[in-house]
Amino acid sequence: MIYTFAGALTDVITAMEAKGYQLTVFADDIQISHDQNVDKDVVLQELAALLQPLGLELALNKCASTQDKVVDKVVKSPSWVKHSPKVQPSLSQSG
């Protein structure tokens, strides 16, 4: 099966949303928020596990949550997430 990058990422987004996370995605940048007190390392591990079978990996050196000056805190589902565009599945994911 051939996937476009957007199509593959849509599957990852769907899986993360099924776990209760809210995602905002632009190209290969992903912002994740949630209503529960979940450690950021758990979220990163879950995302990495979904990306790995696709041959994709997180660039933790570019990840804001892993930078020294970022405080590990819960983002409480900001209202803008509800109005953000979501990545749409590719029309052609088979082949």
PDB file of N, CA and C in Angstrom:
ATOM      1  N   MET A   1       0.847  -1.178   0.000  1.00  0.00           N
ATOM      2  CA  MET A   1       0.000   0.000   0.000  1.00  0.00           C
ATOM      3  C   MET A   1       0.892   1.240   0.000  1.00  0.00           C
ATOM      4  N   ILE A   2       0.590   2.173  -0.845  1.00  0.00           N
ATOM      5  CA  ILE A   2       1.351   3.413  -0.939  1.00  0.00           C
ATOM      6  C   ILE A   2       0.587   4.519  -0.219  1.00  0.00           C
ATOM      7  N   TYR A   3       1.291   5.239   0.642  1.00  0.00           N
ATOM      8  CA  TYR A   3       0.698   6.357   1.364  1.00  0.00           C
ATOM      9  C   TYR A   3       1.398   7.646   0.969  1.00  0.00           C
ATOM     10  N   THR A   4       0.651   8.711   0.909  1.00  0.00           N
ATOM     11  CA  THR A   4       1.272  10.025   0.845  1.00  0.00           C
ATOM     12  C   THR A   4       1.635  10.383   2.277  1.00  0.00           C
ATOM     13  N   PHE A   5       2.514  11.368   2.448  1.00  0.00           N
ATOM     14  CA  PHE A   5       2.876  11.775   3.804  1.00  0.00           C
ATOM     15  C   PHE A   5       1.636  12.218   4.571  1.00  0.00           C
ATOM     16  N   ALA A   6       0.793  13.028   3.932  1.00  0.00           N
ATOM     17  CA  ALA A   6      -0.427  13.508   4.599  1.00  0.00           C
ATOM     18  C   ALA A   6      -1.349  12.343   4.946  1.00  0.00           C
ATOM     19  N   GLY A   7      -1.454  11.370   4.063  1.00  0.00           N
ATOM     20  CA  GLY A   7      -2.297  10.209   4.333  1.00  0.00           C
ATOM     21  C   GLY A   7      -1.785   9.403   5.509  1.00  0.00           C
ATOM     22  N   ALA A   8      -0.480   9.187   5.560  1.00  0.00           N
ATOM     23  CA  ALA A   8       0.115   8.447   6.673  1.00  0.00           C
ATOM     24  C   ALA A   8      -0.051   9.211   7.978  1.00  0.00           C
ATOM     25  N   LEU A   9       0.134  10.517   7.923  1.00  0.00           N
ATOM     26  CA  LEU A   9       0.002  11.330   9.123  1.00  0.00           C
ATOM     27  C   LEU A   9      -1.442  11.357   9.609  1.00  0.00           C
ATOM     28  N   THR A  10      -2.384  11.288   8.694  1.00  0.00           N
ATOM     29  CA  THR A  10      -3.795  11.260   9.072  1.00  0.00           C
ATOM     30  C   THR A  10      -4.095  10.034   9.919  1.00  0.00           C
ATOM     31  N   ASP A  11      -3.510   8.895   9.577  1.00  0.00           N
ATOM     32  CA  ASP A  11      -3.703   7.691  10.378  1.00  0.00           C
ATOM     33  C   ASP A  11      -3.142   7.877  11.790  1.00  0.00           C
ATOM     34  N   VAL A  12      -2.007   8.533  11.900  1.00  0.00           N
ATOM     35  CA  VAL A  12      -1.397   8.808  13.202  1.00  0.00           C
ATOM     36  C   VAL A  12      -2.283   9.760  14.003  1.00  0.00           C
ATOM     37  N   ILE A  13      -2.778  10.806  13.352  1.00  0.00           N
ATOM     38  CA  ILE A  13      -3.653  11.775  14.016  1.00  0.00           C
ATOM     39  C   ILE A  13      -4.909  11.088  14.536  1.00  0.00           C
ATOM     40  N   THR A  14      -5.515  10.252  13.718  1.00  0.00           N
ATOM     41  CA  THR A  14      -6.726   9.537  14.116  1.00  0.00           C
ATOM     42  C   THR A  14      -6.459   8.664  15.339  1.00  0.00           C
ATOM     43  N   ALA A  15      -5.326   7.978  15.348  1.00  0.00           N
ATOM     44  CA  ALA A  15      -4.974   7.119  16.481  1.00  0.00           C
ATOM     45  C   ALA A  15      -4.739   7.938  17.751  1.00  0.00           C
ATOM     46  N   MET A  16      -4.074   9.077  17.632  1.00  0.00           N
ATOM     47  CA  MET A  16      -3.833   9.925  18.810  1.00  0.00           C
ATOM     48  C   MET A  16      -5.139  10.524  19.322  1.00  0.00           C
ATOM     49  N   GLU A  17      -6.020  10.944  18.415  1.00  0.00           N
ATOM     50  CA  GLU A  17      -7.313  11.489  18.838  1.00  0.00           C
ATOM     51  C   GLU A  17      -8.155  10.420  19.526  1.00  0.00           C
ATOM     52  N   ALA A  18      -8.028   9.173  19.100  1.00  0.00           N
ATOM     53  CA  ALA A  18      -8.754   8.073  19.742  1.00  0.00           C
ATOM     54  C   ALA A  18      -8.284   7.871  21.182  1.00  0.00           C
ATOM     55  N   LYS A  19      -7.065   8.314  21.493  1.00  0.00           N
ATOM     56  CA  LYS A  19      -6.528   8.231  22.850  1.00  0.00           C
ATOM     57  C   LYS A  19      -6.937   9.438  23.691  1.00  0.00           C
ATOM     58  N   GLY A  20      -7.688  10.376  23.086  1.00  0.00           N
ATOM     59  CA  GLY A  20      -8.172  11.539  23.821  1.00  0.00           C
ATOM     60  C   GLY A  20      -7.360  12.805  23.631  1.00  0.00           C
ATOM     61  N   TYR A  21      -6.349  12.767  22.769  1.00  0.00           N
ATOM     62  CA  TYR A  21      -5.548  13.956  22.505  1.00  0.00           C
ATOM     63  C   TYR A  21      -6.198  14.795  21.413  1.00  0.00           C
ATOM     64  N   GLN A  22      -5.935  16.097  21.450  1.00  0.00           N
ATOM     65  CA  GLN A  22      -6.375  17.006  20.391  1.00  0.00           C
ATOM     66  C   GLN A  22      -5.120  17.489  19.683  1.00  0.00           C
ATOM     67  N   LEU A  23      -5.120  17.402  18.365  1.00  0.00           N
ATOM     68  CA  LEU A  23      -3.935  17.746  17.595  1.00  0.00           C
ATOM     69  C   LEU A  23      -4.207  18.874  16.620  1.00  0.00           C
ATOM     70  N   THR A  24      -3.212  19.731  16.473  1.00  0.00           N
ATOM     71  CA  THR A  24      -3.193  20.730  15.418  1.00  0.00           C
ATOM     72  C   THR A  24      -1.949  20.421  14.605  1.00  0.00           C
ATOM     73  N   VAL A  25      -2.120  20.248  13.302  1.00  0.00           N
ATOM     74  CA  VAL A  25      -1.018  19.811  12.450  1.00  0.00           C
ATOM     75  C   VAL A  25      -0.858  20.776  11.283  1.00  0.00           C
ATOM     76  N   PHE A  26       0.388  21.156  11.025  1.00  0.00           N
ATOM     77  CA  PHE A  26       0.714  21.929   9.830  1.00  0.00           C
ATOM     78  C   PHE A  26       1.958  21.296   9.234  1.00  0.00           C
ATOM     79  N   ALA A  27       1.818  20.735   8.047  1.00  0.00           N
ATOM     80  CA  ALA A  27       2.918  20.017   7.377  1.00  0.00           C
ATOM     81  C   ALA A  27       3.435  18.928   8.314  1.00  0.00           C
ATOM     82  N   ASP A  28       4.684  19.036   8.776  1.00  0.00           N
ATOM     83  CA  ASP A  28       5.219  18.008   9.664  1.00  0.00           C
ATOM     84  C   ASP A  28       5.339  18.490  11.108  1.00  0.00           C
ATOM     85  N   ASP A  29       4.678  19.585  11.442  1.00  0.00           N
ATOM     86  CA  ASP A  29       4.648  20.091  12.818  1.00  0.00           C
ATOM     87  C   ASP A  29       3.352  19.653  13.479  1.00  0.00           C
ATOM     88  N   ILE A  30       3.464  19.129  14.690  1.00  0.00           N
ATOM     89  CA  ILE A  30       2.297  18.635  15.410  1.00  0.00           C
ATOM     90  C   ILE A  30       2.265  19.266  16.795  1.00  0.00           C
ATOM     91  N   GLN A  31       1.133  19.874  17.150  1.00  0.00           N
ATOM     92  CA  GLN A  31       0.924  20.369  18.505  1.00  0.00           C
ATOM     93  C   GLN A  31      -0.155  19.496  19.127  1.00  0.00           C
ATOM     94  N   ILE A  32       0.123  19.000  20.331  1.00  0.00           N
ATOM     95  CA  ILE A  32      -0.798  18.088  20.998  1.00  0.00           C
ATOM     96  C   ILE A  32      -1.249  18.713  22.308  1.00  0.00           C
ATOM     97  N   SER A  33      -2.558  18.691  22.543  1.00  0.00           N
ATOM     98  CA  SER A  33      -3.093  19.134  23.832  1.00  0.00           C
ATOM     99  C   SER A  33      -4.029  18.051  24.346  1.00  0.00           C
ATOM    100  N   HIS A  34      -4.329  18.137  25.639  1.00  0.00           N
ATOM    101  CA  HIS A  34      -5.170  17.112  26.243  1.00  0.00           C
ATOM    102  C   HIS A  34      -5.829  17.650  27.499  1.00  0.00           C
ATOM    103  N   ASP A  35      -6.892  16.984  27.934  1.00  0.00           N
ATOM    104  CA  ASP A  35      -7.639  17.394  29.121  1.00  0.00           C
ATOM    105  C   ASP A  35      -7.111  16.750  30.393  1.00  0.00           C
ATOM    106  N   GLN A  36      -6.280  15.758  30.267  1.00  0.00           N
ATOM    107  CA  GLN A  36      -5.845  14.992  31.421  1.00  0.00           C
ATOM    108  C   GLN A  36      -4.399  15.311  31.752  1.00  0.00           C
ATOM    109  N   ASN A  37      -4.029  14.988  32.967  1.00  0.00           N
ATOM    110  CA  ASN A  37      -2.657  15.216  33.402  1.00  0.00           C
ATOM    111  C   ASN A  37      -1.791  14.060  32.912  1.00  0.00           C
ATOM    112  N   VAL A  38      -1.282  14.197  31.701  1.00  0.00           N
ATOM    113  CA  VAL A  38      -0.447  13.170  31.092  1.00  0.00           C
ATOM    114  C   VAL A  38       0.959  13.736  30.937  1.00  0.00           C
ATOM    115  N   ASP A  39       1.941  12.989  31.392  1.00  0.00           N
ATOM    116  CA  ASP A  39       3.324  13.420  31.279  1.00  0.00           C
ATOM    117  C   ASP A  39       3.713  13.551  29.804  1.00  0.00           C
ATOM    118  N   LYS A  40       4.425  14.611  29.476  1.00  0.00           N
ATOM    119  CA  LYS A  40       4.799  14.846  28.079  1.00  0.00           C
ATOM    120  C   LYS A  40       5.621  13.706  27.506  1.00  0.00           C
ATOM    121  N   ASP A  41       6.421  13.048  28.331  1.00  0.00           N
ATOM    122  CA  ASP A  41       7.224  11.932  27.836  1.00  0.00           C
ATOM    123  C   ASP A  41       6.346  10.760  27.401  1.00  0.00           C
ATOM    124  N   VAL A  42       5.227  10.554  28.085  1.00  0.00           N
ATOM    125  CA  VAL A  42       4.280   9.505  27.699  1.00  0.00           C
ATOM    126  C   VAL A  42       3.679   9.837  26.335  1.00  0.00           C
ATOM    127  N   VAL A  43       3.292  11.096  26.154  1.00  0.00           N
ATOM    128  CA  VAL A  43       2.707  11.530  24.881  1.00  0.00           C
ATOM    129  C   VAL A  43       3.718  11.341  23.748  1.00  0.00           C
ATOM    130  N   LEU A  44       4.963  11.743  23.979  1.00  0.00           N
ATOM    131  CA  LEU A  44       5.997  11.598  22.952  1.00  0.00           C
ATOM    132  C   LEU A  44       6.256  10.130  22.618  1.00  0.00           C
ATOM    133  N   GLN A  45       6.241   9.261  23.637  1.00  0.00           N
ATOM    134  CA  GLN A  45       6.440   7.825  23.392  1.00  0.00           C
ATOM    135  C   GLN A  45       5.295   7.245  22.571  1.00  0.00           C
ATOM    136  N   GLU A  46       4.061   7.649  22.899  1.00  0.00           N
ATOM    137  CA  GLU A  46       2.906   7.157  22.150  1.00  0.00           C
ATOM    138  C   GLU A  46       2.971   7.609  20.688  1.00  0.00           C
ATOM    139  N   LEU A  47       3.326   8.871  20.477  1.00  0.00           N
ATOM    140  CA  LEU A  47       3.437   9.392  19.117  1.00  0.00           C
ATOM    141  C   LEU A  47       4.567   8.692  18.362  1.00  0.00           C
ATOM    142  N   ALA A  48       5.712   8.530  19.003  1.00  0.00           N
ATOM    143  CA  ALA A  48       6.851   7.866  18.363  1.00  0.00           C
ATOM    144  C   ALA A  48       6.500   6.431  17.969  1.00  0.00           C
ATOM    145  N   ALA A  49       5.740   5.739  18.815  1.00  0.00           N
ATOM    146  CA  ALA A  49       5.345   4.357  18.514  1.00  0.00           C
ATOM    147  C   ALA A  49       4.444   4.287  17.285  1.00  0.00           C
ATOM    148  N   LEU A  50       3.618   5.302  17.074  1.00  0.00           N
ATOM    149  CA  LEU A  50       2.750   5.338  15.893  1.00  0.00           C
ATOM    150  C   LEU A  50       3.519   5.717  14.627  1.00  0.00           C
ATOM    151  N   LEU A  51       4.541   6.538  14.770  1.00  0.00           N
ATOM    152  CA  LEU A  51       5.329   6.979  13.620  1.00  0.00           C
ATOM    153  C   LEU A  51       6.330   5.918  13.157  1.00  0.00           C
ATOM    154  N   GLN A  52       6.846   5.127  14.090  1.00  0.00           N
ATOM    155  CA  GLN A  52       7.915   4.170  13.798  1.00  0.00           C
ATOM    156  C   GLN A  52       7.571   3.183  12.685  1.00  0.00           C
ATOM    157  N   PRO A  53       6.387   2.560  12.666  1.00  0.00           N
ATOM    158  CA  PRO A  53       6.084   1.621  11.574  1.00  0.00           C
ATOM    159  C   PRO A  53       6.035   2.287  10.196  1.00  0.00           C
ATOM    160  N   LEU A  54       5.892   3.599  10.173  1.00  0.00           N
ATOM    161  CA  LEU A  54       5.852   4.339   8.912  1.00  0.00           C
ATOM    162  C   LEU A  54       7.246   4.779   8.466  1.00  0.00           C
ATOM    163  N   GLY A  55       8.253   4.452   9.292  1.00  0.00           N
ATOM    164  CA  GLY A  55       9.611   4.876   8.980  1.00  0.00           C
ATOM    165  C   GLY A  55       9.871   6.324   9.343  1.00  0.00           C
ATOM    166  N   LEU A  56       9.013   6.896  10.188  1.00  0.00           N
ATOM    167  CA  LEU A  56       9.151   8.293  10.606  1.00  0.00           C
ATOM    168  C   LEU A  56       9.586   8.340  12.059  1.00  0.00           C
ATOM    169  N   GLU A  57      10.297   9.384  12.430  1.00  0.00           N
ATOM    170  CA  GLU A  57      10.691   9.541  13.824  1.00  0.00           C
ATOM    171  C   GLU A  57      10.589  11.002  14.231  1.00  0.00           C
ATOM    172  N   LEU A  58      10.460  11.205  15.538  1.00  0.00           N
ATOM    173  CA  LEU A  58      10.377  12.563  16.074  1.00  0.00           C
ATOM    174  C   LEU A  58      11.762  13.200  16.056  1.00  0.00           C
ATOM    175  N   ALA A  59      11.813  14.467  15.716  1.00  0.00           N
ATOM    176  CA  ALA A  59      13.057  15.233  15.809  1.00  0.00           C
ATOM    177  C   ALA A  59      13.026  15.940  17.157  1.00  0.00           C
ATOM    178  N   LEU A  60      13.439  15.213  18.200  1.00  0.00           N
ATOM    179  CA  LEU A  60      13.327  15.758  19.553  1.00  0.00           C
ATOM    180  C   LEU A  60      14.161  17.013  19.752  1.00  0.00           C
ATOM    181  N   ASN A  61      15.204  17.194  18.952  1.00  0.00           N
ATOM    182  CA  ASN A  61      15.998  18.419  19.062  1.00  0.00           C
ATOM    183  C   ASN A  61      15.218  19.641  18.582  1.00  0.00           C
ATOM    184  N   LYS A  62      14.110  19.417  17.865  1.00  0.00           N
ATOM    185  CA  LYS A  62      13.262  20.515  17.394  1.00  0.00           C
ATOM    186  C   LYS A  62      11.955  20.598  18.171  1.00  0.00           C
ATOM    187  N   CYS A  63      11.763  19.702  19.117  1.00  0.00           N
ATOM    188  CA  CYS A  63      10.504  19.614  19.856  1.00  0.00           C
ATOM    189  C   CYS A  63      10.506  20.605  21.014  1.00  0.00           C
ATOM    190  N   ALA A  64       9.542  21.525  21.020  1.00  0.00           N
ATOM    191  CA  ALA A  64       9.490  22.568  22.052  1.00  0.00           C
ATOM    192  C   ALA A  64       9.398  21.981  23.451  1.00  0.00           C
ATOM    193  N   SER A  65       8.714  20.851  23.616  1.00  0.00           N
ATOM    194  CA  SER A  65       8.535  20.290  24.954  1.00  0.00           C
ATOM    195  C   SER A  65       9.814  19.680  25.509  1.00  0.00           C
ATOM    196  N   THR A  66      10.831  19.483  24.688  1.00  0.00           N
ATOM    197  CA  THR A  66      12.083  18.909  25.180  1.00  0.00           C
ATOM    198  C   THR A  66      13.163  19.964  25.401  1.00  0.00           C
ATOM    199  N   GLN A  67      12.858  21.213  25.133  1.00  0.00           N
ATOM    200  CA  GLN A  67      13.833  22.281  25.315  1.00  0.00           C
ATOM    201  C   GLN A  67      13.986  22.612  26.798  1.00  0.00           C
ATOM    202  N   ASP A  68      15.168  23.069  27.192  1.00  0.00           N
ATOM    203  CA  ASP A  68      15.495  23.307  28.597  1.00  0.00           C
ATOM    204  C   ASP A  68      14.572  24.292  29.298  1.00  0.00           C
ATOM    205  N   LYS A  69      14.120  25.330  28.616  1.00  0.00           N
ATOM    206  CA  LYS A  69      13.367  26.392  29.278  1.00  0.00           C
ATOM    207  C   LYS A  69      11.863  26.176  29.270  1.00  0.00           C
ATOM    208  N   VAL A  70      11.417  25.057  28.732  1.00  0.00           N
ATOM    209  CA  VAL A  70       9.984  24.781  28.687  1.00  0.00           C
ATOM    210  C   VAL A  70       9.600  24.010  29.935  1.00  0.00           C
ATOM    211  N   VAL A  71       8.569  24.486  30.621  1.00  0.00           N
ATOM    212  CA  VAL A  71       8.085  23.828  31.827  1.00  0.00           C
ATOM    213  C   VAL A  71       7.152  22.698  31.423  1.00  0.00           C
ATOM    214  N   ASP A  72       7.302  21.553  32.075  1.00  0.00           N
ATOM    215  CA  ASP A  72       6.429  20.410  31.809  1.00  0.00           C
ATOM    216  C   ASP A  72       5.084  20.701  32.458  1.00  0.00           C
ATOM    217  N   LYS A  73       4.094  21.073  31.663  1.00  0.00           N
ATOM    218  CA  LYS A  73       2.784  21.414  32.201  1.00  0.00           C
ATOM    219  C   LYS A  73       1.690  20.929  31.272  1.00  0.00           C
ATOM    220  N   VAL A  74       0.507  20.868  31.793  1.00  0.00           N
ATOM    221  CA  VAL A  74      -0.646  20.399  31.036  1.00  0.00           C
ATOM    222  C   VAL A  74      -1.244  21.565  30.269  1.00  0.00           C
ATOM    223  N   VAL A  75      -1.527  21.353  29.009  1.00  0.00           N
ATOM    224  CA  VAL A  75      -2.249  22.340  28.211  1.00  0.00           C
ATOM    225  C   VAL A  75      -3.703  21.919  28.242  1.00  0.00           C
ATOM    226  N   LYS A  76      -4.556  22.727  28.819  1.00  0.00           N
ATOM    227  CA  LYS A  76      -5.962  22.382  29.004  1.00  0.00           C
ATOM    228  C   LYS A  76      -6.792  22.743  27.791  1.00  0.00           C
ATOM    229  N   SER A  77      -6.841  21.896  26.812  1.00  0.00           N
ATOM    230  CA  SER A  77      -7.685  22.021  25.621  1.00  0.00           C
ATOM    231  C   SER A  77      -8.082  23.450  25.276  1.00  0.00           C
ATOM    232  N   PRO A  78      -7.170  24.241  24.773  1.00  0.00           N
ATOM    233  CA  PRO A  78      -7.532  25.616  24.410  1.00  0.00           C
ATOM    234  C   PRO A  78      -8.628  25.631  23.350  1.00  0.00           C
ATOM    235  N   SER A  79      -9.473  26.631  23.420  1.00  0.00           N
ATOM    236  CA  SER A  79     -10.618  26.680  22.507  1.00  0.00           C
ATOM    237  C   SER A  79     -10.191  26.773  21.050  1.00  0.00           C
ATOM    238  N   TRP A  80      -9.014  27.327  20.763  1.00  0.00           N
ATOM    239  CA  TRP A  80      -8.587  27.449  19.375  1.00  0.00           C
ATOM    240  C   TRP A  80      -8.374  26.092  18.733  1.00  0.00           C
ATOM    241  N   VAL A  81      -8.095  25.065  19.522  1.00  0.00           N
ATOM    242  CA  VAL A  81      -7.898  23.729  18.956  1.00  0.00           C
ATOM    243  C   VAL A  81      -9.182  23.253  18.293  1.00  0.00           C
ATOM    244  N   LYS A  82     -10.322  23.567  18.903  1.00  0.00           N
ATOM    245  CA  LYS A  82     -11.608  23.123  18.374  1.00  0.00           C
ATOM    246  C   LYS A  82     -11.911  23.744  17.016  1.00  0.00           C
ATOM    247  N   HIS A  83     -11.275  24.868  16.717  1.00  0.00           N
ATOM    248  CA  HIS A  83     -11.561  25.573  15.476  1.00  0.00           C
ATOM    249  C   HIS A  83     -10.418  25.473  14.465  1.00  0.00           C
ATOM    250  N   SER A  84      -9.387  24.712  14.801  1.00  0.00           N
ATOM    251  CA  SER A  84      -8.247  24.577  13.900  1.00  0.00           C
ATOM    252  C   SER A  84      -8.553  23.575  12.800  1.00  0.00           C
ATOM    253  N   PRO A  85      -8.006  23.820  11.621  1.00  0.00           N
ATOM    254  CA  PRO A  85      -8.235  22.854  10.531  1.00  0.00           C
ATOM    255  C   PRO A  85      -7.527  21.545  10.842  1.00  0.00           C
ATOM    256  N   LYS A  86      -8.094  20.473  10.394  1.00  0.00           N
ATOM    257  CA  LYS A  86      -7.485  19.161  10.582  1.00  0.00           C
ATOM    258  C   LYS A  86      -6.969  18.664   9.245  1.00  0.00           C
ATOM    259  N   VAL A  87      -5.963  17.836   9.294  1.00  0.00           N
ATOM    260  CA  VAL A  87      -5.435  17.235   8.078  1.00  0.00           C
ATOM    261  C   VAL A  87      -6.488  16.293   7.530  1.00  0.00           C
ATOM    262  N   GLN A  88      -6.745  16.392   6.250  1.00  0.00           N
ATOM    263  CA  GLN A  88      -7.738  15.538   5.600  1.00  0.00           C
ATOM    264  C   GLN A  88      -7.046  14.329   4.985  1.00  0.00           C
ATOM    265  N   PRO A  89      -7.699  13.170   5.021  1.00  0.00           N
ATOM    266  CA  PRO A  89      -7.083  11.982   4.429  1.00  0.00           C
ATOM    267  C   PRO A  89      -6.896  12.140   2.926  1.00  0.00           C
ATOM    268  N   SER A  90      -5.861  11.531   2.438  1.00  0.00           N
ATOM    269  CA  SER A  90      -5.612  11.537   0.999  1.00  0.00           C
ATOM    270  C   SER A  90      -6.714  10.760   0.295  1.00  0.00           C
ATOM    271  N   LEU A  91      -7.100  11.208  -0.883  1.00  0.00           N
ATOM    272  CA  LEU A  91      -8.139  10.519  -1.639  1.00  0.00           C
ATOM    273  C   LEU A  91      -7.639   9.193  -2.197  1.00  0.00           C
ATOM    274  N   SER A  92      -6.334   9.069  -2.364  1.00  0.00           N
ATOM    275  CA  SER A  92      -5.780   7.844  -2.940  1.00  0.00           C
ATOM    276  C   SER A  92      -4.748   7.255  -1.992  1.00  0.00           C
ATOM    277  N   GLN A  93      -5.184   6.319  -1.142  1.00  0.00           N
ATOM    278  CA  GLN A  93      -4.261   5.687  -0.208  1.00  0.00           C
ATOM    279  C   GLN A  93      -4.002   4.234  -0.574  1.00  0.00           C
ATOM    280  N   SER A  94      -4.493   3.791  -1.674  1.00  0.00           N
ATOM    281  CA  SER A  94      -4.232   2.411  -2.073  1.00  0.00           C
ATOM    282  C   SER A  94      -3.357   2.399  -3.310  1.00  0.00           C
ATOM    283  N   GLY A  95      -2.800   1.290  -3.582  1.00  0.00           N
ATOM    284  CA  GLY A  95      -2.013   1.239  -4.787  1.00  0.00           C
ATOM    285  C   GLY A  95      -1.093   0.136  -4.748  1.00  0.00           C
TER     286      GLY A  95
END
